[in-house]
């Protein structure tokens, strides 16, 4: 799931010294956290899944495979945010931040896989 310079973590977790550049990859700002406490370097808001896709998925693990397919299709039609993220990863350590409770089935996992060439 992680390549050497990409880590994925919940935005609610404590900042670690080796996080590198911290990038929020959700379309919506996480509930209950201030910008100061989040310690986010970049918020690539438009890289997150569309509201329609996010609502359809609803973090239902049975829809995970289809979510991955649909989300990748969305990213293909809007390459610029992904290219911005890729450039950050090419420059050094990046931590992809997400708000979902499910750490295995979320958009950051899909992005990390894509960045790793999977």
C-alpha atoms as a PDB file:
ATOM      1  CA  UNK A   1       0.000   0.000   0.000  1.00  0.00           C
ATOM      2  CA  UNK A   2       2.867   2.410   0.687  1.00  0.00           C
ATOM      3  CA  UNK A   3       5.859   3.075  -1.482  1.00  0.00           C
ATOM      4  CA  UNK A   4       8.970   4.388   0.275  1.00  0.00           C
ATOM      5  CA  UNK A   5       8.034   8.068   0.016  1.00  0.00           C
ATOM      6  CA  UNK A   6       4.240   7.758   0.459  1.00  0.00           C
ATOM      7  CA  UNK A   7       2.407   7.136   3.715  1.00  0.00           C
ATOM      8  CA  UNK A   8      -1.326   7.244   4.324  1.00  0.00           C
ATOM      9  CA  UNK A   9      -2.803   8.211   7.674  1.00  0.00           C
ATOM     10  CA  UNK A  10      -5.947   9.597   9.228  1.00  0.00           C
ATOM     11  CA  UNK A  11      -5.845  13.351   9.597  1.00  0.00           C
ATOM     12  CA  UNK A  12      -6.824  12.914  13.258  1.00  0.00           C
ATOM     13  CA  UNK A  13      -3.588  11.082  14.138  1.00  0.00           C
ATOM     14  CA  UNK A  14      -0.652  12.914  15.706  1.00  0.00           C
ATOM     15  CA  UNK A  15       1.882  14.489  13.390  1.00  0.00           C
ATOM     16  CA  UNK A  16       5.071  12.436  13.131  1.00  0.00           C
ATOM     17  CA  UNK A  17       8.531  13.868  12.418  1.00  0.00           C
ATOM     18  CA  UNK A  18       8.906  11.695   9.297  1.00  0.00           C
ATOM     19  CA  UNK A  19       5.525  12.662   7.771  1.00  0.00           C
ATOM     20  CA  UNK A  20       7.207  14.931   5.247  1.00  0.00           C
ATOM     21  CA  UNK A  21       4.720  16.977   3.238  1.00  0.00           C
ATOM     22  CA  UNK A  22       1.226  16.457   4.645  1.00  0.00           C
ATOM     23  CA  UNK A  23      -1.491  16.492   1.976  1.00  0.00           C
ATOM     24  CA  UNK A  24      -5.214  16.293   2.679  1.00  0.00           C
ATOM     25  CA  UNK A  25      -6.820  14.358  -0.199  1.00  0.00           C
ATOM     26  CA  UNK A  26     -10.482  14.660   0.826  1.00  0.00           C
ATOM     27  CA  UNK A  27     -12.970  16.939  -0.911  1.00  0.00           C
ATOM     28  CA  UNK A  28     -14.514  17.969   2.419  1.00  0.00           C
ATOM     29  CA  UNK A  29     -12.713  19.425   5.422  1.00  0.00           C
ATOM     30  CA  UNK A  30     -12.585  16.843   8.258  1.00  0.00           C
ATOM     31  CA  UNK A  31     -15.058  17.355  11.063  1.00  0.00           C
ATOM     32  CA  UNK A  32     -13.872  18.506  14.459  1.00  0.00           C
ATOM     33  CA  UNK A  33     -10.326  19.520  13.536  1.00  0.00           C
ATOM     34  CA  UNK A  34      -8.912  22.983  13.094  1.00  0.00           C
ATOM     35  CA  UNK A  35      -6.523  23.921  10.328  1.00  0.00           C
ATOM     36  CA  UNK A  36      -3.891  24.679  12.954  1.00  0.00           C
ATOM     37  CA  UNK A  37      -4.173  21.253  14.622  1.00  0.00           C
ATOM     38  CA  UNK A  38      -4.259  19.384  11.307  1.00  0.00           C
ATOM     39  CA  UNK A  39      -0.784  20.635  10.319  1.00  0.00           C
ATOM     40  CA  UNK A  40      -1.646  20.280   6.635  1.00  0.00           C
ATOM     41  CA  UNK A  41       0.816  21.586   4.055  1.00  0.00           C
ATOM     42  CA  UNK A  42      -1.511  21.201   1.063  1.00  0.00           C
ATOM     43  CA  UNK A  43      -5.196  20.496   0.609  1.00  0.00           C
ATOM     44  CA  UNK A  44      -5.786  19.113  -2.871  1.00  0.00           C
ATOM     45  CA  UNK A  45      -9.529  19.313  -2.524  1.00  0.00           C
ATOM     46  CA  UNK A  46     -10.373  18.485  -6.134  1.00  0.00           C
ATOM     47  CA  UNK A  47      -8.523  15.155  -6.013  1.00  0.00           C
ATOM     48  CA  UNK A  48     -11.142  13.686  -3.678  1.00  0.00           C
ATOM     49  CA  UNK A  49     -14.002  11.616  -5.092  1.00  0.00           C
ATOM     50  CA  UNK A  50     -17.010  13.555  -6.342  1.00  0.00           C
ATOM     51  CA  UNK A  51     -19.836  14.106  -3.884  1.00  0.00           C
ATOM     52  CA  UNK A  52     -22.012  11.710  -5.893  1.00  0.00           C
ATOM     53  CA  UNK A  53     -19.380   8.940  -5.790  1.00  0.00           C
ATOM     54  CA  UNK A  54     -18.588   9.537  -2.127  1.00  0.00           C
ATOM     55  CA  UNK A  55     -22.261   9.331  -1.187  1.00  0.00           C
ATOM     56  CA  UNK A  56     -22.840   6.249  -3.360  1.00  0.00           C
ATOM     57  CA  UNK A  57     -19.884   4.445  -1.751  1.00  0.00           C
ATOM     58  CA  UNK A  58     -20.861   5.344   1.815  1.00  0.00           C
ATOM     59  CA  UNK A  59     -17.835   3.341   3.027  1.00  0.00           C
ATOM     60  CA  UNK A  60     -19.673   0.120   2.202  1.00  0.00           C
ATOM     61  CA  UNK A  61     -16.922  -2.499   1.866  1.00  0.00           C
ATOM     62  CA  UNK A  62     -19.071  -4.484  -0.575  1.00  0.00           C
ATOM     63  CA  UNK A  63     -18.849  -1.525  -2.967  1.00  0.00           C
ATOM     64  CA  UNK A  64     -15.073  -1.146  -2.586  1.00  0.00           C
ATOM     65  CA  UNK A  65     -14.090  -2.748  -5.902  1.00  0.00           C
ATOM     66  CA  UNK A  66     -16.583  -0.678  -7.866  1.00  0.00           C
ATOM     67  CA  UNK A  67     -15.619   2.459  -5.926  1.00  0.00           C
ATOM     68  CA  UNK A  68     -11.980   1.958  -6.911  1.00  0.00           C
ATOM     69  CA  UNK A  69     -12.956   1.595 -10.575  1.00  0.00           C
ATOM     70  CA  UNK A  70     -15.236   4.636 -10.552  1.00  0.00           C
ATOM     71  CA  UNK A  71     -12.774   6.787  -8.620  1.00  0.00           C
ATOM     72  CA  UNK A  72      -9.925   5.935 -10.997  1.00  0.00           C
ATOM     73  CA  UNK A  73     -12.223   6.896 -13.897  1.00  0.00           C
ATOM     74  CA  UNK A  74     -12.920  10.253 -12.225  1.00  0.00           C
ATOM     75  CA  UNK A  75      -9.202  10.851 -11.787  1.00  0.00           C
ATOM     76  CA  UNK A  76      -8.625  10.095 -15.479  1.00  0.00           C
ATOM     77  CA  UNK A  77     -11.064  12.806 -16.501  1.00  0.00           C
ATOM     78  CA  UNK A  78      -9.429  15.353 -14.172  1.00  0.00           C
ATOM     79  CA  UNK A  79      -5.665  14.691 -14.318  1.00  0.00           C
ATOM     80  CA  UNK A  80      -4.370  18.035 -13.015  1.00  0.00           C
ATOM     81  CA  UNK A  81      -4.911  17.388  -9.262  1.00  0.00           C
ATOM     82  CA  UNK A  82      -3.289  13.950  -9.554  1.00  0.00           C
ATOM     83  CA  UNK A  83      -0.306  15.440 -11.399  1.00  0.00           C
ATOM     84  CA  UNK A  84       0.101  18.035  -8.601  1.00  0.00           C
ATOM     85  CA  UNK A  85       0.121  15.231  -6.040  1.00  0.00           C
ATOM     86  CA  UNK A  86       2.552  13.169  -8.100  1.00  0.00           C
ATOM     87  CA  UNK A  87       4.951  16.129  -8.301  1.00  0.00           C
ATOM     88  CA  UNK A  88       4.897  16.452  -4.508  1.00  0.00           C
ATOM     89  CA  UNK A  89       5.651  12.732  -4.170  1.00  0.00           C
ATOM     90  CA  UNK A  90       8.492  12.966  -6.681  1.00  0.00           C
ATOM     91  CA  UNK A  91      10.018  15.742  -4.546  1.00  0.00           C
ATOM     92  CA  UNK A  92      10.162  13.734  -1.299  1.00  0.00           C
ATOM     93  CA  UNK A  93       8.251  12.120   1.546  1.00  0.00           C
ATOM     94  CA  UNK A  94       4.487  12.686   1.428  1.00  0.00           C
ATOM     95  CA  UNK A  95       1.762  11.660   3.857  1.00  0.00           C
ATOM     96  CA  UNK A  96      -1.704  11.396   2.322  1.00  0.00           C
ATOM     97  CA  UNK A  97      -4.282  12.420   4.899  1.00  0.00           C
ATOM     98  CA  UNK A  98      -7.910  11.312   4.960  1.00  0.00           C
ATOM     99  CA  UNK A  99     -10.758  11.530   7.470  1.00  0.00           C
ATOM    100  CA  UNK A 100     -12.552   8.194   6.960  1.00  0.00           C
ATOM    101  CA  UNK A 101     -12.619   5.757   9.874  1.00  0.00           C
ATOM    102  CA  UNK A 102     -11.897   2.797   7.597  1.00  0.00           C
ATOM    103  CA  UNK A 103      -8.147   2.862   7.013  1.00  0.00           C
ATOM    104  CA  UNK A 104      -8.214   0.152   4.327  1.00  0.00           C
ATOM    105  CA  UNK A 105     -11.125   1.316   2.152  1.00  0.00           C
ATOM    106  CA  UNK A 106     -10.810   5.002   1.303  1.00  0.00           C
ATOM    107  CA  UNK A 107      -9.683   7.288  -1.496  1.00  0.00           C
ATOM    108  CA  UNK A 108      -6.159   7.726  -0.060  1.00  0.00           C
ATOM    109  CA  UNK A 109      -5.570   3.988  -0.511  1.00  0.00           C
ATOM    110  CA  UNK A 110      -6.561   4.256  -4.184  1.00  0.00           C
ATOM    111  CA  UNK A 111      -4.293   7.278  -4.665  1.00  0.00           C
ATOM    112  CA  UNK A 112      -1.332   5.551  -2.982  1.00  0.00           C
ATOM    113  CA  UNK A 113      -1.803   2.536  -5.265  1.00  0.00           C
ATOM    114  CA  UNK A 114      -1.923   4.745  -8.353  1.00  0.00           C
ATOM    115  CA  UNK A 115       1.173   6.649  -7.289  1.00  0.00           C
ATOM    116  CA  UNK A 116       2.963   3.332  -6.711  1.00  0.00           C
ATOM    117  CA  UNK A 117       2.020   2.259 -10.244  1.00  0.00           C
ATOM    118  CA  UNK A 118      -0.511  -0.389  -9.202  1.00  0.00           C
END
